[in-house]
């Protein structure tokens, strides 16, 4: 059966699940997503980074050990770890305590959300995003029938997102290292 779902022409983020001032690992986790769903929020704020092997990950900081309370249970990585310089499998072994939060590919968040009616407000971090990245996110949004908006403080991801059909929003919360 063909997927006949279409992305809405206008997406309202409404009341968004976004945790200001706390560790971002909680917001960018399955537990954070489920808190948004069970808490009756209209949308979920999901941050995106890319690993060296071009896997789109759901985490906030390029340096999750330095900036977000993660550690390497194998003890091989230090605070200089940068998601962009390692394969996704390395980033996905990191743990943030308390609560054993982990970094996962964005695909997993689409699976976890299932058919719950919630907007994904996704924020690619950094300027290194192109149409192929956005096309992948577009396919996920359509596969899971998930209204999705792309927001960024950088022009390149917004141009790429708009080119594949996403509604976009410019953010002004850019800080070094994000």
C-alpha atoms as a PDB file:
ATOM      1  CA  UNK A   1       0.000   0.000   0.000  1.00  0.00           C
ATOM      2  CA  UNK A   2       1.395   3.393  -0.953  1.00  0.00           C
ATOM      3  CA  UNK A   3       2.082   5.977   1.704  1.00  0.00           C
ATOM      4  CA  UNK A   4      -0.494   8.662   0.922  1.00  0.00           C
ATOM      5  CA  UNK A   5       0.362  10.855   3.909  1.00  0.00           C
ATOM      6  CA  UNK A   6       1.494  14.394   3.107  1.00  0.00           C
ATOM      7  CA  UNK A   7       3.503  16.791   5.264  1.00  0.00           C
ATOM      8  CA  UNK A   8       1.200  19.590   6.469  1.00  0.00           C
ATOM      9  CA  UNK A   9       1.806  22.892   4.664  1.00  0.00           C
ATOM     10  CA  UNK A  10       1.915  24.732   7.996  1.00  0.00           C
ATOM     11  CA  UNK A  11       3.164  23.163  11.217  1.00  0.00           C
ATOM     12  CA  UNK A  12       2.443  24.742  14.591  1.00  0.00           C
ATOM     13  CA  UNK A  13       4.892  23.634  17.268  1.00  0.00           C
ATOM     14  CA  UNK A  14       2.446  24.603  20.034  1.00  0.00           C
ATOM     15  CA  UNK A  15       3.610  23.666  23.525  1.00  0.00           C
ATOM     16  CA  UNK A  16       7.111  22.201  23.059  1.00  0.00           C
ATOM     17  CA  UNK A  17       8.963  19.758  25.290  1.00  0.00           C
ATOM     18  CA  UNK A  18      12.283  21.580  25.676  1.00  0.00           C
ATOM     19  CA  UNK A  19      14.516  21.492  28.743  1.00  0.00           C
ATOM     20  CA  UNK A  20      16.338  24.791  29.149  1.00  0.00           C
ATOM     21  CA  UNK A  21      19.216  24.959  31.578  1.00  0.00           C
ATOM     22  CA  UNK A  22      19.459  21.208  32.174  1.00  0.00           C
ATOM     23  CA  UNK A  23      21.605  18.551  30.656  1.00  0.00           C
ATOM     24  CA  UNK A  24      20.430  18.058  27.092  1.00  0.00           C
ATOM     25  CA  UNK A  25      20.914  14.283  27.290  1.00  0.00           C
ATOM     26  CA  UNK A  26      17.553  13.945  29.033  1.00  0.00           C
ATOM     27  CA  UNK A  27      15.655  15.907  26.386  1.00  0.00           C
ATOM     28  CA  UNK A  28      17.383  13.986  23.571  1.00  0.00           C
ATOM     29  CA  UNK A  29      16.500  10.518  24.798  1.00  0.00           C
ATOM     30  CA  UNK A  30      13.730   7.972  24.483  1.00  0.00           C
ATOM     31  CA  UNK A  31      12.693   8.907  28.019  1.00  0.00           C
ATOM     32  CA  UNK A  32      12.540  12.608  27.093  1.00  0.00           C
ATOM     33  CA  UNK A  33      10.442  11.813  24.043  1.00  0.00           C
ATOM     34  CA  UNK A  34       8.074   9.659  26.099  1.00  0.00           C
ATOM     35  CA  UNK A  35       7.841  12.448  28.724  1.00  0.00           C
ATOM     36  CA  UNK A  36       6.750  14.767  25.917  1.00  0.00           C
ATOM     37  CA  UNK A  37       4.154  12.278  24.689  1.00  0.00           C
ATOM     38  CA  UNK A  38       2.723  11.387  28.100  1.00  0.00           C
ATOM     39  CA  UNK A  39       2.892  15.014  29.240  1.00  0.00           C
ATOM     40  CA  UNK A  40       0.569  16.063  26.426  1.00  0.00           C
ATOM     41  CA  UNK A  41       3.060  18.318  24.662  1.00  0.00           C
ATOM     42  CA  UNK A  42       2.389  19.308  21.049  1.00  0.00           C
ATOM     43  CA  UNK A  43       6.000  19.013  19.913  1.00  0.00           C
ATOM     44  CA  UNK A  44       9.393  17.635  20.915  1.00  0.00           C
ATOM     45  CA  UNK A  45      12.681  19.499  20.483  1.00  0.00           C
ATOM     46  CA  UNK A  46      15.269  17.091  19.069  1.00  0.00           C
ATOM     47  CA  UNK A  47      18.867  18.106  18.455  1.00  0.00           C
ATOM     48  CA  UNK A  48      20.910  16.510  15.675  1.00  0.00           C
ATOM     49  CA  UNK A  49      24.612  15.907  15.083  1.00  0.00           C
ATOM     50  CA  UNK A  50      26.396  13.745  12.508  1.00  0.00           C
ATOM     51  CA  UNK A  51      29.064  11.169  13.199  1.00  0.00           C
ATOM     52  CA  UNK A  52      32.200  10.687  11.081  1.00  0.00           C
ATOM     53  CA  UNK A  53      30.373   7.902   9.208  1.00  0.00           C
ATOM     54  CA  UNK A  54      27.484  10.325   8.475  1.00  0.00           C
ATOM     55  CA  UNK A  55      24.932   8.749  10.817  1.00  0.00           C
ATOM     56  CA  UNK A  56      22.460  11.363  12.071  1.00  0.00           C
ATOM     57  CA  UNK A  57      22.443  11.179  15.850  1.00  0.00           C
ATOM     58  CA  UNK A  58      20.002  12.660  18.344  1.00  0.00           C
ATOM     59  CA  UNK A  59      22.208  14.606  20.725  1.00  0.00           C
ATOM     60  CA  UNK A  60      22.880  18.256  21.441  1.00  0.00           C
ATOM     61  CA  UNK A  61      26.608  18.774  21.694  1.00  0.00           C
ATOM     62  CA  UNK A  62      29.465  17.773  19.430  1.00  0.00           C
ATOM     63  CA  UNK A  63      31.461  17.164  22.630  1.00  0.00           C
ATOM     64  CA  UNK A  64      29.015  15.191  24.822  1.00  0.00           C
ATOM     65  CA  UNK A  65      31.639  14.184  27.400  1.00  0.00           C
ATOM     66  CA  UNK A  66      32.842  17.748  27.927  1.00  0.00           C
ATOM     67  CA  UNK A  67      29.461  19.503  27.720  1.00  0.00           C
ATOM     68  CA  UNK A  68      26.674  17.080  28.615  1.00  0.00           C
ATOM     69  CA  UNK A  69      27.754  14.735  31.382  1.00  0.00           C
ATOM     70  CA  UNK A  70      28.466  11.652  29.253  1.00  0.00           C
ATOM     71  CA  UNK A  71      31.301   9.249  29.983  1.00  0.00           C
ATOM     72  CA  UNK A  72      32.852   6.278  28.222  1.00  0.00           C
ATOM     73  CA  UNK A  73      32.180   3.082  30.202  1.00  0.00           C
ATOM     74  CA  UNK A  74      35.238   1.552  28.505  1.00  0.00           C
ATOM     75  CA  UNK A  75      37.389   4.424  29.796  1.00  0.00           C
ATOM     76  CA  UNK A  76      39.021   5.000  26.402  1.00  0.00           C
ATOM     77  CA  UNK A  77      37.653   8.458  25.579  1.00  0.00           C
ATOM     78  CA  UNK A  78      38.238  11.746  27.356  1.00  0.00           C
ATOM     79  CA  UNK A  79      36.684  15.224  27.297  1.00  0.00           C
ATOM     80  CA  UNK A  80      38.153  15.922  23.834  1.00  0.00           C
ATOM     81  CA  UNK A  81      35.810  13.359  22.212  1.00  0.00           C
ATOM     82  CA  UNK A  82      33.968  14.950  19.269  1.00  0.00           C
ATOM     83  CA  UNK A  83      31.031  13.120  17.651  1.00  0.00           C
ATOM     84  CA  UNK A  84      32.062  14.419  14.212  1.00  0.00           C
ATOM     85  CA  UNK A  85      35.423  12.650  14.415  1.00  0.00           C
ATOM     86  CA  UNK A  86      34.247   9.132  15.332  1.00  0.00           C
ATOM     87  CA  UNK A  87      31.867   6.508  13.945  1.00  0.00           C
ATOM     88  CA  UNK A  88      28.360   6.461  15.403  1.00  0.00           C
ATOM     89  CA  UNK A  89      28.982   3.177  17.230  1.00  0.00           C
ATOM     90  CA  UNK A  90      31.568   4.940  19.412  1.00  0.00           C
ATOM     91  CA  UNK A  91      29.202   7.807  20.315  1.00  0.00           C
ATOM     92  CA  UNK A  92      26.427   5.295  21.043  1.00  0.00           C
ATOM     93  CA  UNK A  93      28.450   3.565  23.759  1.00  0.00           C
ATOM     94  CA  UNK A  94      28.621   6.745  25.863  1.00  0.00           C
ATOM     95  CA  UNK A  95      26.427   6.950  28.970  1.00  0.00           C
ATOM     96  CA  UNK A  96      25.140   9.944  30.936  1.00  0.00           C
ATOM     97  CA  UNK A  97      24.195   9.307  34.547  1.00  0.00           C
ATOM     98  CA  UNK A  98      22.051   9.335  36.523  1.00  0.00           C
ATOM     99  CA  UNK A  99      19.559   7.478  34.415  1.00  0.00           C
ATOM    100  CA  UNK A 100      21.821   5.731  31.914  1.00  0.00           C
ATOM    101  CA  UNK A 101      20.986   8.065  29.028  1.00  0.00           C
ATOM    102  CA  UNK A 102      22.530   7.113  25.685  1.00  0.00           C
ATOM    103  CA  UNK A 103      23.026   8.689  22.264  1.00  0.00           C
ATOM    104  CA  UNK A 104      21.031   7.039  19.486  1.00  0.00           C
ATOM    105  CA  UNK A 105      20.343   7.608  15.774  1.00  0.00           C
ATOM    106  CA  UNK A 106      17.381   9.883  15.060  1.00  0.00           C
ATOM    107  CA  UNK A 107      15.651   6.979  13.307  1.00  0.00           C
ATOM    108  CA  UNK A 108      15.121   5.378  16.712  1.00  0.00           C
ATOM    109  CA  UNK A 109      13.193   8.401  17.977  1.00  0.00           C
ATOM    110  CA  UNK A 110      10.800   8.137  15.030  1.00  0.00           C
ATOM    111  CA  UNK A 111      10.245   4.473  15.913  1.00  0.00           C
ATOM    112  CA  UNK A 112       9.685   5.223  19.619  1.00  0.00           C
ATOM    113  CA  UNK A 113       7.184   7.995  18.872  1.00  0.00           C
ATOM    114  CA  UNK A 114       5.211   5.564  16.747  1.00  0.00           C
ATOM    115  CA  UNK A 115       1.853   6.964  15.711  1.00  0.00           C
ATOM    116  CA  UNK A 116       1.533   9.463  18.577  1.00  0.00           C
ATOM    117  CA  UNK A 117       0.411  12.835  17.285  1.00  0.00           C
ATOM    118  CA  UNK A 118       3.409  15.010  17.998  1.00  0.00           C
ATOM    119  CA  UNK A 119       5.428  17.425  15.908  1.00  0.00           C
ATOM    120  CA  UNK A 120       9.176  16.823  15.718  1.00  0.00           C
ATOM    121  CA  UNK A 121      11.060  20.121  15.861  1.00  0.00           C
ATOM    122  CA  UNK A 122      14.535  19.029  14.773  1.00  0.00           C
ATOM    123  CA  UNK A 123      17.633  21.201  15.074  1.00  0.00           C
ATOM    124  CA  UNK A 124      20.720  20.176  13.111  1.00  0.00           C
ATOM    125  CA  UNK A 125      23.778  21.511  14.932  1.00  0.00           C
ATOM    126  CA  UNK A 126      26.450  23.186  12.853  1.00  0.00           C
ATOM    127  CA  UNK A 127      26.487  24.205   9.186  1.00  0.00           C
ATOM    128  CA  UNK A 128      27.556  20.822   7.710  1.00  0.00           C
ATOM    129  CA  UNK A 129      24.139  19.682   6.482  1.00  0.00           C
ATOM    130  CA  UNK A 130      23.132  19.110   2.875  1.00  0.00           C
ATOM    131  CA  UNK A 131      20.138  17.985   0.837  1.00  0.00           C
ATOM    132  CA  UNK A 132      20.992  14.291   1.206  1.00  0.00           C
ATOM    133  CA  UNK A 133      20.798  14.635   5.010  1.00  0.00           C
ATOM    134  CA  UNK A 134      17.489  16.457   4.756  1.00  0.00           C
ATOM    135  CA  UNK A 135      16.147  13.970   2.207  1.00  0.00           C
ATOM    136  CA  UNK A 136      16.856  11.186   4.719  1.00  0.00           C
ATOM    137  CA  UNK A 137      14.948  13.079   7.438  1.00  0.00           C
ATOM    138  CA  UNK A 138      12.129  13.761   4.952  1.00  0.00           C
ATOM    139  CA  UNK A 139      11.861  10.016   4.217  1.00  0.00           C
ATOM    140  CA  UNK A 140      11.700   9.255   7.959  1.00  0.00           C
ATOM    141  CA  UNK A 141       9.029  11.896   8.498  1.00  0.00           C
ATOM    142  CA  UNK A 142       6.942  10.404   5.694  1.00  0.00           C
ATOM    143  CA  UNK A 143       7.540   6.791   6.680  1.00  0.00           C
ATOM    144  CA  UNK A 144       6.327   7.526  10.216  1.00  0.00           C
ATOM    145  CA  UNK A 145       3.780  10.191   9.186  1.00  0.00           C
ATOM    146  CA  UNK A 146       5.445  12.638  11.523  1.00  0.00           C
ATOM    147  CA  UNK A 147       4.902  16.389  11.038  1.00  0.00           C
ATOM    148  CA  UNK A 148       8.452  17.738  11.222  1.00  0.00           C
ATOM    149  CA  UNK A 149       9.966  21.201  11.149  1.00  0.00           C
ATOM    150  CA  UNK A 150      13.684  21.943  10.754  1.00  0.00           C
ATOM    151  CA  UNK A 151      15.172  24.822  12.719  1.00  0.00           C
ATOM    152  CA  UNK A 152      18.743  26.051  12.788  1.00  0.00           C
ATOM    153  CA  UNK A 153      20.998  29.011  13.510  1.00  0.00           C
ATOM    154  CA  UNK A 154      22.832  28.203  10.269  1.00  0.00           C
ATOM    155  CA  UNK A 155      21.771  28.971   6.713  1.00  0.00           C
ATOM    156  CA  UNK A 156      22.994  25.766   4.983  1.00  0.00           C
ATOM    157  CA  UNK A 157      20.726  23.323   6.850  1.00  0.00           C
ATOM    158  CA  UNK A 158      17.730  25.601   6.349  1.00  0.00           C
ATOM    159  CA  UNK A 159      18.348  25.936   2.607  1.00  0.00           C
ATOM    160  CA  UNK A 160      18.793  22.150   2.292  1.00  0.00           C
ATOM    161  CA  UNK A 161      15.660  21.477   4.369  1.00  0.00           C
ATOM    162  CA  UNK A 162      13.575  23.925   2.373  1.00  0.00           C
ATOM    163  CA  UNK A 163      14.822  22.342  -0.887  1.00  0.00           C
ATOM    164  CA  UNK A 164      13.340  18.954   0.060  1.00  0.00           C
ATOM    165  CA  UNK A 165      10.062  20.438   1.325  1.00  0.00           C
ATOM    166  CA  UNK A 166      10.431  21.048   5.061  1.00  0.00           C
ATOM    167  CA  UNK A 167       8.977  24.042   6.830  1.00  0.00           C
ATOM    168  CA  UNK A 168      11.955  25.808   8.432  1.00  0.00           C
ATOM    169  CA  UNK A 169      12.604  28.248  11.240  1.00  0.00           C
ATOM    170  CA  UNK A 170      15.707  30.273  12.002  1.00  0.00           C
ATOM    171  CA  UNK A 171      16.903  30.121  15.601  1.00  0.00           C
ATOM    172  CA  UNK A 172      19.141  32.673  17.233  1.00  0.00           C
ATOM    173  CA  UNK A 173      20.408  30.512  20.088  1.00  0.00           C
ATOM    174  CA  UNK A 174      23.743  29.713  18.401  1.00  0.00           C
ATOM    175  CA  UNK A 175      26.626  29.361  20.824  1.00  0.00           C
ATOM    176  CA  UNK A 176      30.166  28.174  20.086  1.00  0.00           C
ATOM    177  CA  UNK A 177      30.466  24.385  20.128  1.00  0.00           C
ATOM    178  CA  UNK A 178      26.830  23.707  19.273  1.00  0.00           C
END
